[in-house]
Amino acid sequence: GRKLDQYPAQYGSGTLVESIIEEEVLAEGLRILELFN
């Protein structure tokens, strides 16, 4: 998913988030998780 809003602005925790699929982001995220075993 991706953030649409967070508080405090720019550097906080998500307040509004949406589910989304972006293949490049998904692949990079899973690659990093697998690097960490």
ModelCIF file with pLDDT and N, C-alpha, C, O atoms, coordinates in Angstrom:
data_MODEL
#
_entry.id   MODEL 
#
_entity.id                         1 
_entity.type                       polymer 
_entity.pdbx_number_of_molecules   1 
#
_entity_poly.entity_id                      1 
_entity_poly.type                           'polypeptide(L)' 
_entity_poly.nstd_linkage                   no 
_entity_poly.nstd_monomer                   no 
_entity_poly.pdbx_seq_one_letter_code       GRKLDQYPAQYGSGTLVESIIEEEVLAEGLRILELFN 
_entity_poly.pdbx_seq_one_letter_code_can   GRKLDQYPAQYGSGTLVESIIEEEVLAEGLRILELFN 
_entity_poly.pdbx_strand_id                 A 
#
loop_
_entity_poly_seq.entity_id 
_entity_poly_seq.num 
_entity_poly_seq.mon_id 
_entity_poly_seq.hetero 
1 1  GLY n 
1 2  ARG n 
1 3  LYS n 
1 4  LEU n 
1 5  ASP n 
1 6  GLN n 
1 7  TYR n 
1 8  PRO n 
1 9  ALA n 
1 10 GLN n 
1 11 TYR n 
1 12 GLY n 
1 13 SER n 
1 14 GLY n 
1 15 THR n 
1 16 LEU n 
1 17 VAL n 
1 18 GLU n 
1 19 SER n 
1 20 ILE n 
1 21 ILE n 
1 22 GLU n 
1 23 GLU n 
1 24 GLU n 
1 25 VAL n 
1 26 LEU n 
1 27 ALA n 
1 28 GLU n 
1 29 GLY n 
1 30 LEU n 
1 31 ARG n 
1 32 ILE n 
1 33 LEU n 
1 34 GLU n 
1 35 LEU n 
1 36 PHE n 
1 37 ASN n 
#
_struct_asym.id          A 
_struct_asym.entity_id   1 
#
loop_
_ma_qa_metric.id 
_ma_qa_metric.mode 
_ma_qa_metric.name 
_ma_qa_metric.software_group_id 
_ma_qa_metric.type 
1 global pLDDT . pLDDT 
2 local  pLDDT . pLDDT 
#
_ma_qa_metric_global.metric_id      1 
_ma_qa_metric_global.metric_value   93.70 
_ma_qa_metric_global.model_id       1 
_ma_qa_metric_global.ordinal_id     1 
#
loop_
_ma_qa_metric_local.label_asym_id 
_ma_qa_metric_local.label_comp_id 
_ma_qa_metric_local.label_seq_id 
_ma_qa_metric_local.metric_id 
_ma_qa_metric_local.metric_value 
_ma_qa_metric_local.model_id 
_ma_qa_metric_local.ordinal_id 
A GLY 1  2 97.00 1 1  
A ARG 2  2 97.00 1 2  
A LYS 3  2 96.00 1 3  
A LEU 4  2 94.00 1 4  
A ASP 5  2 93.00 1 5  
A GLN 6  2 93.00 1 6  
A TYR 7  2 89.00 1 7  
A PRO 8  2 83.00 1 8  
A ALA 9  2 77.00 1 9  
A GLN 10 2 73.00 1 10 
A TYR 11 2 80.00 1 11 
A GLY 12 2 85.00 1 12 
A SER 13 2 90.00 1 13 
A GLY 14 2 93.00 1 14 
A THR 15 2 95.00 1 15 
A LEU 16 2 95.00 1 16 
A VAL 17 2 97.00 1 17 
A GLU 18 2 97.00 1 18 
A SER 19 2 97.00 1 19 
A ILE 20 2 97.00 1 20 
A ILE 21 2 96.00 1 21 
A GLU 22 2 96.00 1 22 
A GLU 23 2 97.00 1 23 
A GLU 24 2 97.00 1 24 
A VAL 25 2 98.00 1 25 
A LEU 26 2 98.00 1 26 
A ALA 27 2 98.00 1 27 
A GLU 28 2 98.00 1 28 
A GLY 29 2 98.00 1 29 
A LEU 30 2 98.00 1 30 
A ARG 31 2 98.00 1 31 
A ILE 32 2 97.00 1 32 
A LEU 33 2 97.00 1 33 
A GLU 34 2 97.00 1 34 
A LEU 35 2 96.00 1 35 
A PHE 36 2 95.00 1 36 
A ASN 37 2 95.00 1 37 
#
loop_
_atom_site.group_PDB 
_atom_site.id 
_atom_site.type_symbol 
_atom_site.label_atom_id 
_atom_site.label_alt_id 
_atom_site.label_comp_id 
_atom_site.label_asym_id 
_atom_site.label_entity_id 
_atom_site.label_seq_id 
_atom_site.pdbx_PDB_ins_code 
_atom_site.Cartn_x 
_atom_site.Cartn_y 
_atom_site.Cartn_z 
_atom_site.occupancy 
_atom_site.B_iso_or_equiv 
_atom_site.pdbx_formal_charge 
_atom_site.auth_seq_id 
_atom_site.auth_comp_id 
_atom_site.auth_asym_id 
_atom_site.auth_atom_id 
_atom_site.pdbx_PDB_model_num 
ATOM 1   N N  . GLY A 1 1  ? 0.847  -1.185  0.000  1.00 97.00 ? 1  GLY A N  1 
ATOM 2   C CA . GLY A 1 1  ? 0.000  0.000   0.000  1.00 97.00 ? 1  GLY A CA 1 
ATOM 3   C C  . GLY A 1 1  ? 0.880  1.230   0.000  1.00 97.00 ? 1  GLY A C  1 
ATOM 4   O O  . GLY A 1 1  ? 2.102  1.139   0.117  1.00 97.00 ? 1  GLY A O  1 
ATOM 5   N N  . ARG A 1 2  ? 0.248  2.374   -0.131 1.00 97.00 ? 2  ARG A N  1 
ATOM 6   C CA . ARG A 1 2  ? 1.017  3.623   -0.078 1.00 97.00 ? 2  ARG A CA 1 
ATOM 7   C C  . ARG A 1 2  ? 0.279  4.632   0.798  1.00 97.00 ? 2  ARG A C  1 
ATOM 8   O O  . ARG A 1 2  ? -0.944 4.593   0.936  1.00 97.00 ? 2  ARG A O  1 
ATOM 9   N N  . LYS A 1 3  ? 1.047  5.517   1.374  1.00 96.00 ? 3  LYS A N  1 
ATOM 10  C CA . LYS A 1 3  ? 0.466  6.564   2.203  1.00 96.00 ? 3  LYS A CA 1 
ATOM 11  C C  . LYS A 1 3  ? -0.157 7.651   1.326  1.00 96.00 ? 3  LYS A C  1 
ATOM 12  O O  . LYS A 1 3  ? 0.378  8.003   0.275  1.00 96.00 ? 3  LYS A O  1 
ATOM 13  N N  . LEU A 1 4  ? -1.283 8.167   1.774  1.00 94.00 ? 4  LEU A N  1 
ATOM 14  C CA . LEU A 1 4  ? -1.882 9.355   1.177  1.00 94.00 ? 4  LEU A CA 1 
ATOM 15  C C  . LEU A 1 4  ? -1.761 10.544  2.118  1.00 94.00 ? 4  LEU A C  1 
ATOM 16  O O  . LEU A 1 4  ? -1.809 11.698  1.691  1.00 94.00 ? 4  LEU A O  1 
ATOM 17  N N  . ASP A 1 5  ? -1.602 10.247  3.404  1.00 93.00 ? 5  ASP A N  1 
ATOM 18  C CA . ASP A 1 5  ? -1.479 11.302  4.404  1.00 93.00 ? 5  ASP A CA 1 
ATOM 19  C C  . ASP A 1 5  ? -0.799 10.711  5.633  1.00 93.00 ? 5  ASP A C  1 
ATOM 20  O O  . ASP A 1 5  ? -0.942 9.523   5.922  1.00 93.00 ? 5  ASP A O  1 
ATOM 21  N N  . GLN A 1 6  ? -0.058 11.553  6.356  1.00 93.00 ? 6  GLN A N  1 
ATOM 22  C CA . GLN A 1 6  ? 0.544  11.123  7.608  1.00 93.00 ? 6  GLN A CA 1 
ATOM 23  C C  . GLN A 1 6  ? 0.606  12.300  8.566  1.00 93.00 ? 6  GLN A C  1 
ATOM 24  O O  . GLN A 1 6  ? 0.549  13.459  8.155  1.00 93.00 ? 6  GLN A O  1 
ATOM 25  N N  . TYR A 1 7  ? 0.721  11.991  9.822  1.00 89.00 ? 7  TYR A N  1 
ATOM 26  C CA . TYR A 1 7  ? 0.795  13.039  10.829 1.00 89.00 ? 7  TYR A CA 1 
ATOM 27  C C  . TYR A 1 7  ? 1.836  12.675  11.872 1.00 89.00 ? 7  TYR A C  1 
ATOM 28  O O  . TYR A 1 7  ? 1.847  11.557  12.387 1.00 89.00 ? 7  TYR A O  1 
ATOM 29  N N  . PRO A 1 8  ? 2.730  13.643  12.188 1.00 83.00 ? 8  PRO A N  1 
ATOM 30  C CA . PRO A 1 8  ? 2.904  14.951  11.580 1.00 83.00 ? 8  PRO A CA 1 
ATOM 31  C C  . PRO A 1 8  ? 3.249  14.855  10.082 1.00 83.00 ? 8  PRO A C  1 
ATOM 32  O O  . PRO A 1 8  ? 3.757  13.837  9.612  1.00 83.00 ? 8  PRO A O  1 
ATOM 33  N N  . ALA A 1 9  ? 2.963  15.929  9.358  1.00 77.00 ? 9  ALA A N  1 
ATOM 34  C CA . ALA A 1 9  ? 3.134  15.937  7.911  1.00 77.00 ? 9  ALA A CA 1 
ATOM 35  C C  . ALA A 1 9  ? 4.553  15.553  7.523  1.00 77.00 ? 9  ALA A C  1 
ATOM 36  O O  . ALA A 1 9  ? 5.518  16.009  8.135  1.00 77.00 ? 9  ALA A O  1 
ATOM 37  N N  . GLN A 1 10 ? 4.671  14.723  6.517  1.00 73.00 ? 10 GLN A N  1 
ATOM 38  C CA . GLN A 1 10 ? 5.905  14.287  5.873  1.00 73.00 ? 10 GLN A CA 1 
ATOM 39  C C  . GLN A 1 10 ? 6.727  13.272  6.677  1.00 73.00 ? 10 GLN A C  1 
ATOM 40  O O  . GLN A 1 10 ? 7.392  12.421  6.087  1.00 73.00 ? 10 GLN A O  1 
ATOM 41  N N  . TYR A 1 11 ? 6.691  13.348  8.011  1.00 80.00 ? 11 TYR A N  1 
ATOM 42  C CA . TYR A 1 11 ? 7.603  12.494  8.782  1.00 80.00 ? 11 TYR A CA 1 
ATOM 43  C C  . TYR A 1 11 ? 6.891  11.752  9.916  1.00 80.00 ? 11 TYR A C  1 
ATOM 44  O O  . TYR A 1 11 ? 7.510  11.405  10.922 1.00 80.00 ? 11 TYR A O  1 
ATOM 45  N N  . GLY A 1 12 ? 5.596  11.514  9.751  1.00 85.00 ? 12 GLY A N  1 
ATOM 46  C CA . GLY A 1 12 ? 4.851  10.889  10.836 1.00 85.00 ? 12 GLY A CA 1 
ATOM 47  C C  . GLY A 1 12 ? 4.387  9.488   10.492 1.00 85.00 ? 12 GLY A C  1 
ATOM 48  O O  . GLY A 1 12 ? 4.941  8.827   9.613  1.00 85.00 ? 12 GLY A O  1 
ATOM 49  N N  . SER A 1 13 ? 3.361  9.051   11.202 1.00 90.00 ? 13 SER A N  1 
ATOM 50  C CA . SER A 1 13 ? 2.735  7.746   10.950 1.00 90.00 ? 13 SER A CA 1 
ATOM 51  C C  . SER A 1 13 ? 1.550  7.938   10.010 1.00 90.00 ? 13 SER A C  1 
ATOM 52  O O  . SER A 1 13 ? 0.931  9.001   9.985  1.00 90.00 ? 13 SER A O  1 
ATOM 53  N N  . GLY A 1 14 ? 1.243  6.902   9.241  1.00 93.00 ? 14 GLY A N  1 
ATOM 54  C CA . GLY A 1 14 ? 0.161  6.996   8.276  1.00 93.00 ? 14 GLY A CA 1 
ATOM 55  C C  . GLY A 1 14 ? -1.181 7.266   8.934  1.00 93.00 ? 14 GLY A C  1 
ATOM 56  O O  . GLY A 1 14 ? -1.523 6.649   9.943  1.00 93.00 ? 14 GLY A O  1 
ATOM 57  N N  . THR A 1 15 ? -1.943 8.192   8.356  1.00 95.00 ? 15 THR A N  1 
ATOM 58  C CA . THR A 1 15 ? -3.305 8.455   8.815  1.00 95.00 ? 15 THR A CA 1 
ATOM 59  C C  . THR A 1 15 ? -4.325 8.071   7.744  1.00 95.00 ? 15 THR A C  1 
ATOM 60  O O  . THR A 1 15 ? -5.464 7.724   8.058  1.00 95.00 ? 15 THR A O  1 
ATOM 61  N N  . LEU A 1 16 ? -3.912 8.136   6.484  1.00 95.00 ? 16 LEU A N  1 
ATOM 62  C CA . LEU A 1 16 ? -4.754 7.709   5.360  1.00 95.00 ? 16 LEU A CA 1 
ATOM 63  C C  . LEU A 1 16 ? -3.855 6.946   4.388  1.00 95.00 ? 16 LEU A C  1 
ATOM 64  O O  . LEU A 1 16 ? -2.860 7.477   3.894  1.00 95.00 ? 16 LEU A O  1 
ATOM 65  N N  . VAL A 1 17 ? -4.222 5.698   4.125  1.00 97.00 ? 17 VAL A N  1 
ATOM 66  C CA . VAL A 1 17 ? -3.397 4.798   3.309  1.00 97.00 ? 17 VAL A CA 1 
ATOM 67  C C  . VAL A 1 17 ? -4.313 4.103   2.315  1.00 97.00 ? 17 VAL A C  1 
ATOM 68  O O  . VAL A 1 17 ? -5.491 3.892   2.602  1.00 97.00 ? 17 VAL A O  1 
ATOM 69  N N  . GLU A 1 18 ? -3.783 3.742   1.144  1.00 97.00 ? 18 GLU A N  1 
ATOM 70  C CA . GLU A 1 18 ? -4.591 2.992   0.189  1.00 97.00 ? 18 GLU A CA 1 
ATOM 71  C C  . GLU A 1 18 ? -3.849 1.761   -0.295 1.00 97.00 ? 18 GLU A C  1 
ATOM 72  O O  . GLU A 1 18 ? -2.622 1.749   -0.401 1.00 97.00 ? 18 GLU A O  1 
ATOM 73  N N  . SER A 1 19 ? -4.624 0.725   -0.587 1.00 97.00 ? 19 SER A N  1 
ATOM 74  C CA . SER A 1 19 ? -4.038 -0.480  -1.169 1.00 97.00 ? 19 SER A CA 1 
ATOM 75  C C  . SER A 1 19 ? -3.792 -0.235  -2.649 1.00 97.00 ? 19 SER A C  1 
ATOM 76  O O  . SER A 1 19 ? -4.649 0.294   -3.356 1.00 97.00 ? 19 SER A O  1 
ATOM 77  N N  . ILE A 1 20 ? -2.627 -0.622  -3.098 1.00 97.00 ? 20 ILE A N  1 
ATOM 78  C CA . ILE A 1 20 ? -2.233 -0.375  -4.482 1.00 97.00 ? 20 ILE A CA 1 
ATOM 79  C C  . ILE A 1 20 ? -1.186 -1.401  -4.869 1.00 97.00 ? 20 ILE A C  1 
ATOM 80  O O  . ILE A 1 20 ? -0.460 -1.901  -4.009 1.00 97.00 ? 20 ILE A O  1 
ATOM 81  N N  . ILE A 1 21 ? -1.099 -1.718  -6.141 1.00 96.00 ? 21 ILE A N  1 
ATOM 82  C CA . ILE A 1 21 ? -0.043 -2.605  -6.623 1.00 96.00 ? 21 ILE A CA 1 
ATOM 83  C C  . ILE A 1 21 ? 0.796  -1.853  -7.654 1.00 96.00 ? 21 ILE A C  1 
ATOM 84  O O  . ILE A 1 21 ? 0.285  -1.414  -8.684 1.00 96.00 ? 21 ILE A O  1 
ATOM 85  N N  . GLU A 1 22 ? 2.068  -1.711  -7.368 1.00 96.00 ? 22 GLU A N  1 
ATOM 86  C CA . GLU A 1 22 ? 3.050  -1.213  -8.329 1.00 96.00 ? 22 GLU A CA 1 
ATOM 87  C C  . GLU A 1 22 ? 4.156  -2.259  -8.375 1.00 96.00 ? 22 GLU A C  1 
ATOM 88  O O  . GLU A 1 22 ? 4.907  -2.429  -7.414 1.00 96.00 ? 22 GLU A O  1 
ATOM 89  N N  . GLU A 1 23 ? 4.244  -2.948  -9.486 1.00 97.00 ? 23 GLU A N  1 
ATOM 90  C CA . GLU A 1 23 ? 5.106  -4.130  -9.572 1.00 97.00 ? 23 GLU A CA 1 
ATOM 91  C C  . GLU A 1 23 ? 6.556  -3.843  -9.213 1.00 97.00 ? 23 GLU A C  1 
ATOM 92  O O  . GLU A 1 23 ? 7.204  -4.658  -8.556 1.00 97.00 ? 23 GLU A O  1 
ATOM 93  N N  . GLU A 1 24 ? 7.074  -2.694  -9.634 1.00 97.00 ? 24 GLU A N  1 
ATOM 94  C CA . GLU A 1 24 ? 8.472  -2.364  -9.335 1.00 97.00 ? 24 GLU A CA 1 
ATOM 95  C C  . GLU A 1 24 ? 8.693  -2.233  -7.828 1.00 97.00 ? 24 GLU A C  1 
ATOM 96  O O  . GLU A 1 24 ? 9.683  -2.727  -7.288 1.00 97.00 ? 24 GLU A O  1 
ATOM 97  N N  . VAL A 1 25 ? 7.755  -1.559  -7.162 1.00 98.00 ? 25 VAL A N  1 
ATOM 98  C CA . VAL A 1 25 ? 7.873  -1.352  -5.714 1.00 98.00 ? 25 VAL A CA 1 
ATOM 99  C C  . VAL A 1 25 ? 7.733  -2.680  -4.983 1.00 98.00 ? 25 VAL A C  1 
ATOM 100 O O  . VAL A 1 25 ? 8.505  -2.979  -4.073 1.00 98.00 ? 25 VAL A O  1 
ATOM 101 N N  . LEU A 1 26 ? 6.747  -3.473  -5.384 1.00 98.00 ? 26 LEU A N  1 
ATOM 102 C CA . LEU A 1 26 ? 6.524  -4.772  -4.753 1.00 98.00 ? 26 LEU A CA 1 
ATOM 103 C C  . LEU A 1 26 ? 7.760  -5.656  -4.887 1.00 98.00 ? 26 LEU A C  1 
ATOM 104 O O  . LEU A 1 26 ? 8.186  -6.288  -3.920 1.00 98.00 ? 26 LEU A O  1 
ATOM 105 N N  . ALA A 1 27 ? 8.331  -5.698  -6.080 1.00 98.00 ? 27 ALA A N  1 
ATOM 106 C CA . ALA A 1 27 ? 9.510  -6.540  -6.317 1.00 98.00 ? 27 ALA A CA 1 
ATOM 107 C C  . ALA A 1 27 ? 10.698 -6.075  -5.484 1.00 98.00 ? 27 ALA A C  1 
ATOM 108 O O  . ALA A 1 27 ? 11.430 -6.895  -4.931 1.00 98.00 ? 27 ALA A O  1 
ATOM 109 N N  . GLU A 1 28 ? 10.891 -4.769  -5.392 1.00 98.00 ? 28 GLU A N  1 
ATOM 110 C CA . GLU A 1 28 ? 12.015 -4.242  -4.597 1.00 98.00 ? 28 GLU A CA 1 
ATOM 111 C C  . GLU A 1 28 ? 11.804 -4.498  -3.113 1.00 98.00 ? 28 GLU A C  1 
ATOM 112 O O  . GLU A 1 28 ? 12.749 -4.843  -2.405 1.00 98.00 ? 28 GLU A O  1 
ATOM 113 N N  . GLY A 1 29 ? 10.570 -4.333  -2.633 1.00 98.00 ? 29 GLY A N  1 
ATOM 114 C CA . GLY A 1 29 ? 10.288 -4.595  -1.232 1.00 98.00 ? 29 GLY A CA 1 
ATOM 115 C C  . GLY A 1 29 ? 10.548 -6.050  -0.864 1.00 98.00 ? 29 GLY A C  1 
ATOM 116 O O  . GLY A 1 29 ? 11.177 -6.332  0.156  1.00 98.00 ? 29 GLY A O  1 
ATOM 117 N N  . LEU A 1 30 ? 10.066 -6.972  -1.691 1.00 98.00 ? 30 LEU A N  1 
ATOM 118 C CA . LEU A 1 30 ? 10.285 -8.392  -1.416 1.00 98.00 ? 30 LEU A CA 1 
ATOM 119 C C  . LEU A 1 30 ? 11.765 -8.755  -1.530 1.00 98.00 ? 30 LEU A C  1 
ATOM 120 O O  . LEU A 1 30 ? 12.262 -9.590  -0.774 1.00 98.00 ? 30 LEU A O  1 
ATOM 121 N N  . ARG A 1 31 ? 12.463 -8.130  -2.470 1.00 98.00 ? 31 ARG A N  1 
ATOM 122 C CA . ARG A 1 31 ? 13.910 -8.381  -2.602 1.00 98.00 ? 31 ARG A CA 1 
ATOM 123 C C  . ARG A 1 31 ? 14.645 -8.005  -1.322 1.00 98.00 ? 31 ARG A C  1 
ATOM 124 O O  . ARG A 1 31 ? 15.520 -8.740  -0.864 1.00 98.00 ? 31 ARG A O  1 
ATOM 125 N N  . ILE A 1 32 ? 14.287 -6.853  -0.742 1.00 97.00 ? 32 ILE A N  1 
ATOM 126 C CA . ILE A 1 32 ? 14.952 -6.399  0.483  1.00 97.00 ? 32 ILE A CA 1 
ATOM 127 C C  . ILE A 1 32 ? 14.612 -7.321  1.652  1.00 97.00 ? 32 ILE A C  1 
ATOM 128 O O  . ILE A 1 32 ? 15.490 -7.681  2.436  1.00 97.00 ? 32 ILE A O  1 
ATOM 129 N N  . LEU A 1 33 ? 13.336 -7.704  1.769  1.00 97.00 ? 33 LEU A N  1 
ATOM 130 C CA . LEU A 1 33 ? 12.951 -8.613  2.851  1.00 97.00 ? 33 LEU A CA 1 
ATOM 131 C C  . LEU A 1 33 ? 13.729 -9.924  2.753  1.00 97.00 ? 33 LEU A C  1 
ATOM 132 O O  . LEU A 1 33 ? 14.148 -10.481 3.768  1.00 97.00 ? 33 LEU A O  1 
ATOM 133 N N  . GLU A 1 34 ? 13.919 -10.408 1.541  1.00 97.00 ? 34 GLU A N  1 
ATOM 134 C CA . GLU A 1 34 ? 14.643 -11.668 1.368  1.00 97.00 ? 34 GLU A CA 1 
ATOM 135 C C  . GLU A 1 34 ? 16.139 -11.497 1.608  1.00 97.00 ? 34 GLU A C  1 
ATOM 136 O O  . GLU A 1 34 ? 16.808 -12.444 2.023  1.00 97.00 ? 34 GLU A O  1 
ATOM 137 N N  . LEU A 1 35 ? 16.672 -10.306 1.354  1.00 96.00 ? 35 LEU A N  1 
ATOM 138 C CA . LEU A 1 35 ? 18.069 -10.031 1.700  1.00 96.00 ? 35 LEU A CA 1 
ATOM 139 C C  . LEU A 1 35 ? 18.293 -10.131 3.205  1.00 96.00 ? 35 LEU A C  1 
ATOM 140 O O  . LEU A 1 35 ? 19.366 -10.530 3.658  1.00 96.00 ? 35 LEU A O  1 
ATOM 141 N N  . PHE A 1 36 ? 17.264 -9.764  3.976  1.00 95.00 ? 36 PHE A N  1 
ATOM 142 C CA . PHE A 1 36 ? 17.357 -9.817  5.438  1.00 95.00 ? 36 PHE A CA 1 
ATOM 143 C C  . PHE A 1 36 ? 17.050 -11.208 5.999  1.00 95.00 ? 36 PHE A C  1 
ATOM 144 O O  . PHE A 1 36 ? 17.145 -11.426 7.206  1.00 95.00 ? 36 PHE A O  1 
ATOM 145 N N  . ASN A 1 37 ? 16.678 -12.155 5.117  1.00 95.00 ? 37 ASN A N  1 
ATOM 146 C CA . ASN A 1 37 ? 16.373 -13.528 5.563  1.00 95.00 ? 37 ASN A CA 1 
ATOM 147 C C  . ASN A 1 37 ? 15.292 -13.565 6.643  1.00 95.00 ? 37 ASN A C  1 
ATOM 148 O O  . ASN A 1 37 ? 14.928 -14.642 7.116  1.00 95.00 ? 37 ASN A O  1 
#
